[in-house]
Amino acid sequence: MSSIDVEDDWEYRRLVELVEECMPQALKIFIALGYKSKNDEIREAAIEFKNKHKFADQ
């Protein structure tokens, strides 16, 4: 079994989609993780998820 690479934008998006479906109460944690990424595409994805769920600024 391999681990999830949260610095890969495709894997990050799939992980957040899974969290969104299975553990929505943890979604803010994973969005915050994306905000801290050095990867521009991951930060962009975190912003998209935040806006989708209308969370206040992280």
PDB file of N, CA and C in Angstrom:
ATOM      1  N   MET A   1       0.835  -1.167   0.000  1.00  0.00           N
ATOM      2  CA  MET A   1       0.000   0.000   0.000  1.00  0.00           C
ATOM      3  C   MET A   1       0.888   1.240   0.000  1.00  0.00           C
ATOM      4  N   SER A   2       0.559   2.202  -0.848  1.00  0.00           N
ATOM      5  CA  SER A   2       1.360   3.424  -0.902  1.00  0.00           C
ATOM      6  C   SER A   2       0.641   4.556  -0.179  1.00  0.00           C
ATOM      7  N   SER A   3       1.409   5.568   0.166  1.00  0.00           N
ATOM      8  CA  SER A   3       0.828   6.700   0.885  1.00  0.00           C
ATOM      9  C   SER A   3       0.380   7.787  -0.103  1.00  0.00           C
ATOM     10  N   ILE A   4      -0.360   8.730   0.393  1.00  0.00           N
ATOM     11  CA  ILE A   4      -0.842   9.838  -0.417  1.00  0.00           C
ATOM     12  C   ILE A   4       0.193  10.954  -0.381  1.00  0.00           C
ATOM     13  N   ASP A   5       0.527  11.469  -1.534  1.00  0.00           N
ATOM     14  CA  ASP A   5       1.470  12.574  -1.650  1.00  0.00           C
ATOM     15  C   ASP A   5       0.669  13.873  -1.694  1.00  0.00           C
ATOM     16  N   VAL A   6       0.562  14.561  -0.561  1.00  0.00           N
ATOM     17  CA  VAL A   6      -0.242  15.784  -0.517  1.00  0.00           C
ATOM     18  C   VAL A   6       0.455  16.961  -1.193  1.00  0.00           C
ATOM     19  N   GLU A   7       1.649  16.763  -1.719  1.00  0.00           N
ATOM     20  CA  GLU A   7       2.310  17.798  -2.513  1.00  0.00           C
ATOM     21  C   GLU A   7       2.081  17.578  -4.013  1.00  0.00           C
ATOM     22  N   ASP A   8       1.328  16.559  -4.354  1.00  0.00           N
ATOM     23  CA  ASP A   8       0.917  16.316  -5.742  1.00  0.00           C
ATOM     24  C   ASP A   8      -0.506  16.853  -5.882  1.00  0.00           C
ATOM     25  N   ASP A   9      -0.713  17.794  -6.804  1.00  0.00           N
ATOM     26  CA  ASP A   9      -2.016  18.455  -6.858  1.00  0.00           C
ATOM     27  C   ASP A   9      -3.157  17.497  -7.181  1.00  0.00           C
ATOM     28  N   TRP A  10      -2.934  16.507  -8.035  1.00  0.00           N
ATOM     29  CA  TRP A  10      -4.000  15.547  -8.356  1.00  0.00           C
ATOM     30  C   TRP A  10      -4.372  14.748  -7.104  1.00  0.00           C
ATOM     31  N   GLU A  11      -3.373  14.247  -6.389  1.00  0.00           N
ATOM     32  CA  GLU A  11      -3.638  13.466  -5.182  1.00  0.00           C
ATOM     33  C   GLU A  11      -4.278  14.325  -4.085  1.00  0.00           C
ATOM     34  N   TYR A  12      -3.831  15.566  -3.967  1.00  0.00           N
ATOM     35  CA  TYR A  12      -4.433  16.459  -2.970  1.00  0.00           C
ATOM     36  C   TYR A  12      -5.917  16.667  -3.273  1.00  0.00           C
ATOM     37  N   ARG A  13      -6.258  16.950  -4.525  1.00  0.00           N
ATOM     38  CA  ARG A  13      -7.659  17.159  -4.897  1.00  0.00           C
ATOM     39  C   ARG A  13      -8.506  15.912  -4.613  1.00  0.00           C
ATOM     40  N   ARG A  14      -7.982  14.730  -4.951  1.00  0.00           N
ATOM     41  CA  ARG A  14      -8.746  13.498  -4.698  1.00  0.00           C
ATOM     42  C   ARG A  14      -8.931  13.286  -3.201  1.00  0.00           C
ATOM     43  N   LEU A  15      -7.891  13.567  -2.424  1.00  0.00           N
ATOM     44  CA  LEU A  15      -7.994  13.417  -0.972  1.00  0.00           C
ATOM     45  C   LEU A  15      -9.062  14.349  -0.409  1.00  0.00           C
ATOM     46  N   VAL A  16      -9.049  15.607  -0.826  1.00  0.00           N
ATOM     47  CA  VAL A  16     -10.032  16.559  -0.305  1.00  0.00           C
ATOM     48  C   VAL A  16     -11.439  16.173  -0.754  1.00  0.00           C
ATOM     49  N   GLU A  17     -11.575  15.661  -1.976  1.00  0.00           N
ATOM     50  CA  GLU A  17     -12.888  15.188  -2.424  1.00  0.00           C
ATOM     51  C   GLU A  17     -13.383  14.031  -1.548  1.00  0.00           C
ATOM     52  N   LEU A  18     -12.486  13.148  -1.186  1.00  0.00           N
ATOM     53  CA  LEU A  18     -12.843  12.031  -0.312  1.00  0.00           C
ATOM     54  C   LEU A  18     -13.247  12.531   1.077  1.00  0.00           C
ATOM     55  N   VAL A  19     -12.470  13.435   1.621  1.00  0.00           N
ATOM     56  CA  VAL A  19     -12.795  14.018   2.925  1.00  0.00           C
ATOM     57  C   VAL A  19     -14.142  14.734   2.847  1.00  0.00           C
ATOM     58  N   GLU A  20     -14.367  15.438   1.767  1.00  0.00           N
ATOM     59  CA  GLU A  20     -15.622  16.165   1.555  1.00  0.00           C
ATOM     60  C   GLU A  20     -16.825  15.225   1.632  1.00  0.00           C
ATOM     61  N   GLU A  21     -16.678  14.030   1.092  1.00  0.00           N
ATOM     62  CA  GLU A  21     -17.768  13.044   1.083  1.00  0.00           C
ATOM     63  C   GLU A  21     -17.879  12.259   2.390  1.00  0.00           C
ATOM     64  N   CYS A  22     -16.742  11.883   2.955  1.00  0.00           N
ATOM     65  CA  CYS A  22     -16.751  10.954   4.087  1.00  0.00           C
ATOM     66  C   CYS A  22     -16.611  11.611   5.461  1.00  0.00           C
ATOM     67  N   MET A  23     -15.895  12.723   5.524  1.00  0.00           N
ATOM     68  CA  MET A  23     -15.634  13.383   6.810  1.00  0.00           C
ATOM     69  C   MET A  23     -15.711  14.894   6.646  1.00  0.00           C
ATOM     70  N   PRO A  24     -16.847  15.439   6.261  1.00  0.00           N
ATOM     71  CA  PRO A  24     -16.915  16.880   5.991  1.00  0.00           C
ATOM     72  C   PRO A  24     -16.517  17.756   7.176  1.00  0.00           C
ATOM     73  N   GLN A  25     -16.634  17.237   8.387  1.00  0.00           N
ATOM     74  CA  GLN A  25     -16.237  18.004   9.567  1.00  0.00           C
ATOM     75  C   GLN A  25     -14.736  18.247   9.595  1.00  0.00           C
ATOM     76  N   ALA A  26     -13.950  17.480   8.847  1.00  0.00           N
ATOM     77  CA  ALA A  26     -12.491  17.638   8.803  1.00  0.00           C
ATOM     78  C   ALA A  26     -12.020  18.437   7.591  1.00  0.00           C
ATOM     79  N   LEU A  27     -12.936  18.891   6.786  1.00  0.00           N
ATOM     80  CA  LEU A  27     -12.580  19.562   5.536  1.00  0.00           C
ATOM     81  C   LEU A  27     -11.705  20.796   5.759  1.00  0.00           C
ATOM     82  N   LYS A  28     -12.015  21.590   6.758  1.00  0.00           N
ATOM     83  CA  LYS A  28     -11.225  22.806   7.023  1.00  0.00           C
ATOM     84  C   LYS A  28      -9.758  22.476   7.289  1.00  0.00           C
ATOM     85  N   ILE A  29      -9.503  21.363   7.927  1.00  0.00           N
ATOM     86  CA  ILE A  29      -8.125  20.953   8.227  1.00  0.00           C
ATOM     87  C   ILE A  29      -7.353  20.700   6.939  1.00  0.00           C
ATOM     88  N   PHE A  30      -7.985  20.011   6.004  1.00  0.00           N
ATOM     89  CA  PHE A  30      -7.311  19.669   4.752  1.00  0.00           C
ATOM     90  C   PHE A  30      -7.178  20.877   3.838  1.00  0.00           C
ATOM     91  N   ILE A  31      -8.124  21.799   3.914  1.00  0.00           N
ATOM     92  CA  ILE A  31      -8.003  23.043   3.152  1.00  0.00           C
ATOM     93  C   ILE A  31      -6.838  23.862   3.711  1.00  0.00           C
ATOM     94  N   ALA A  32      -6.735  23.927   5.030  1.00  0.00           N
ATOM     95  CA  ALA A  32      -5.616  24.647   5.657  1.00  0.00           C
ATOM     96  C   ALA A  32      -4.279  24.029   5.259  1.00  0.00           C
ATOM     97  N   LEU A  33      -4.231  22.718   5.167  1.00  0.00           N
ATOM     98  CA  LEU A  33      -3.019  22.025   4.719  1.00  0.00           C
ATOM     99  C   LEU A  33      -2.646  22.486   3.308  1.00  0.00           C
ATOM    100  N   GLY A  34      -3.648  22.612   2.439  1.00  0.00           N
ATOM    101  CA  GLY A  34      -3.404  23.074   1.071  1.00  0.00           C
ATOM    102  C   GLY A  34      -2.900  24.504   1.018  1.00  0.00           C
ATOM    103  N   TYR A  35      -3.409  25.359   1.893  1.00  0.00           N
ATOM    104  CA  TYR A  35      -2.962  26.755   1.946  1.00  0.00           C
ATOM    105  C   TYR A  35      -1.484  26.850   2.280  1.00  0.00           C
ATOM    106  N   LYS A  36      -0.971  25.895   3.049  1.00  0.00           N
ATOM    107  CA  LYS A  36       0.430  25.929   3.485  1.00  0.00           C
ATOM    108  C   LYS A  36       1.382  25.321   2.457  1.00  0.00           C
ATOM    109  N   SER A  37       0.849  24.740   1.404  1.00  0.00           N
ATOM    110  CA  SER A  37       1.673  24.066   0.404  1.00  0.00           C
ATOM    111  C   SER A  37       2.553  25.050  -0.358  1.00  0.00           C
ATOM    112  N   LYS A  38       3.700  24.588  -0.791  1.00  0.00           N
ATOM    113  CA  LYS A  38       4.581  25.378  -1.652  1.00  0.00           C
ATOM    114  C   LYS A  38       4.149  25.263  -3.115  1.00  0.00           C
ATOM    115  N   ASN A  39       3.261  24.329  -3.393  1.00  0.00           N
ATOM    116  CA  ASN A  39       2.776  24.072  -4.749  1.00  0.00           C
ATOM    117  C   ASN A  39       1.613  25.023  -5.065  1.00  0.00           C
ATOM    118  N   ASP A  40       1.787  25.865  -6.075  1.00  0.00           N
ATOM    119  CA  ASP A  40       0.748  26.835  -6.450  1.00  0.00           C
ATOM    120  C   ASP A  40      -0.578  26.169  -6.801  1.00  0.00           C
ATOM    121  N   GLU A  41      -0.522  25.028  -7.469  1.00  0.00           N
ATOM    122  CA  GLU A  41      -1.751  24.336  -7.882  1.00  0.00           C
ATOM    123  C   GLU A  41      -2.519  23.796  -6.680  1.00  0.00           C
ATOM    124  N   ILE A  42      -1.811  23.386  -5.657  1.00  0.00           N
ATOM    125  CA  ILE A  42      -2.470  22.899  -4.441  1.00  0.00           C
ATOM    126  C   ILE A  42      -3.108  24.068  -3.696  1.00  0.00           C
ATOM    127  N   ARG A  43      -2.401  25.190  -3.616  1.00  0.00           N
ATOM    128  CA  ARG A  43      -2.997  26.370  -2.974  1.00  0.00           C
ATOM    129  C   ARG A  43      -4.240  26.820  -3.740  1.00  0.00           C
ATOM    130  N   GLU A  44      -4.181  26.775  -5.055  1.00  0.00           N
ATOM    131  CA  GLU A  44      -5.343  27.123  -5.877  1.00  0.00           C
ATOM    132  C   GLU A  44      -6.514  26.176  -5.595  1.00  0.00           C
ATOM    133  N   ALA A  45      -6.237  24.896  -5.486  1.00  0.00           N
ATOM    134  CA  ALA A  45      -7.284  23.913  -5.178  1.00  0.00           C
ATOM    135  C   ALA A  45      -7.879  24.194  -3.799  1.00  0.00           C
ATOM    136  N   ALA A  46      -7.044  24.523  -2.825  1.00  0.00           N
ATOM    137  CA  ALA A  46      -7.539  24.827  -1.475  1.00  0.00           C
ATOM    138  C   ALA A  46      -8.473  26.034  -1.513  1.00  0.00           C
ATOM    139  N   ILE A  47      -8.110  27.028  -2.295  1.00  0.00           N
ATOM    140  CA  ILE A  47      -8.968  28.213  -2.437  1.00  0.00           C
ATOM    141  C   ILE A  47     -10.297  27.828  -3.070  1.00  0.00           C
ATOM    142  N   GLU A  48     -10.248  26.986  -4.090  1.00  0.00           N
ATOM    143  CA  GLU A  48     -11.488  26.543  -4.750  1.00  0.00           C
ATOM    144  C   GLU A  48     -12.397  25.795  -3.773  1.00  0.00           C
ATOM    145  N   PHE A  49     -11.842  24.900  -2.981  1.00  0.00           N
ATOM    146  CA  PHE A  49     -12.653  24.167  -2.004  1.00  0.00           C
ATOM    147  C   PHE A  49     -13.194  25.107  -0.930  1.00  0.00           C
ATOM    148  N   LYS A  50     -12.361  26.057  -0.493  1.00  0.00           N
ATOM    149  CA  LYS A  50     -12.831  27.015   0.513  1.00  0.00           C
ATOM    150  C   LYS A  50     -14.009  27.814  -0.033  1.00  0.00           C
ATOM    151  N   ASN A  51     -13.883  28.296  -1.259  1.00  0.00           N
ATOM    152  CA  ASN A  51     -14.957  29.084  -1.863  1.00  0.00           C
ATOM    153  C   ASN A  51     -16.214  28.245  -2.102  1.00  0.00           C
ATOM    154  N   LYS A  52     -16.013  26.991  -2.473  1.00  0.00           N
ATOM    155  CA  LYS A  52     -17.139  26.099  -2.707  1.00  0.00           C
ATOM    156  C   LYS A  52     -17.966  25.922  -1.433  1.00  0.00           C
ATOM    157  N   HIS A  53     -17.286  25.870  -0.304  1.00  0.00           N
ATOM    158  CA  HIS A  53     -17.959  25.638   0.974  1.00  0.00           C
ATOM    159  C   HIS A  53     -18.138  26.927   1.770  1.00  0.00           C
ATOM    160  N   LYS A  54     -17.734  28.032   1.187  1.00  0.00           N
ATOM    161  CA  LYS A  54     -17.927  29.356   1.776  1.00  0.00           C
ATOM    162  C   LYS A  54     -17.366  29.454   3.202  1.00  0.00           C
ATOM    163  N   PHE A  55     -16.171  28.881   3.397  1.00  0.00           N
ATOM    164  CA  PHE A  55     -15.515  28.991   4.690  1.00  0.00           C
ATOM    165  C   PHE A  55     -14.910  30.387   4.827  1.00  0.00           C
ATOM    166  N   ALA A  56     -14.812  30.851   6.043  1.00  0.00           N
ATOM    167  CA  ALA A  56     -14.115  32.115   6.314  1.00  0.00           C
ATOM    168  C   ALA A  56     -12.643  31.903   6.022  1.00  0.00           C
ATOM    169  N   ASP A  57     -11.897  33.006   5.906  1.00  0.00           N
ATOM    170  CA  ASP A  57     -10.468  32.900   5.627  1.00  0.00           C
ATOM    171  C   ASP A  57      -9.788  32.004   6.632  1.00  0.00           C
ATOM    172  N   GLN A  58      -8.814  31.258   6.131  1.00  0.00           N
ATOM    173  CA  GLN A  58      -8.086  30.294   6.966  1.00  0.00           C
ATOM    174  C   GLN A  58      -7.063  31.013   7.803  1.00  0.00           C
TER     175      GLN A  58
END
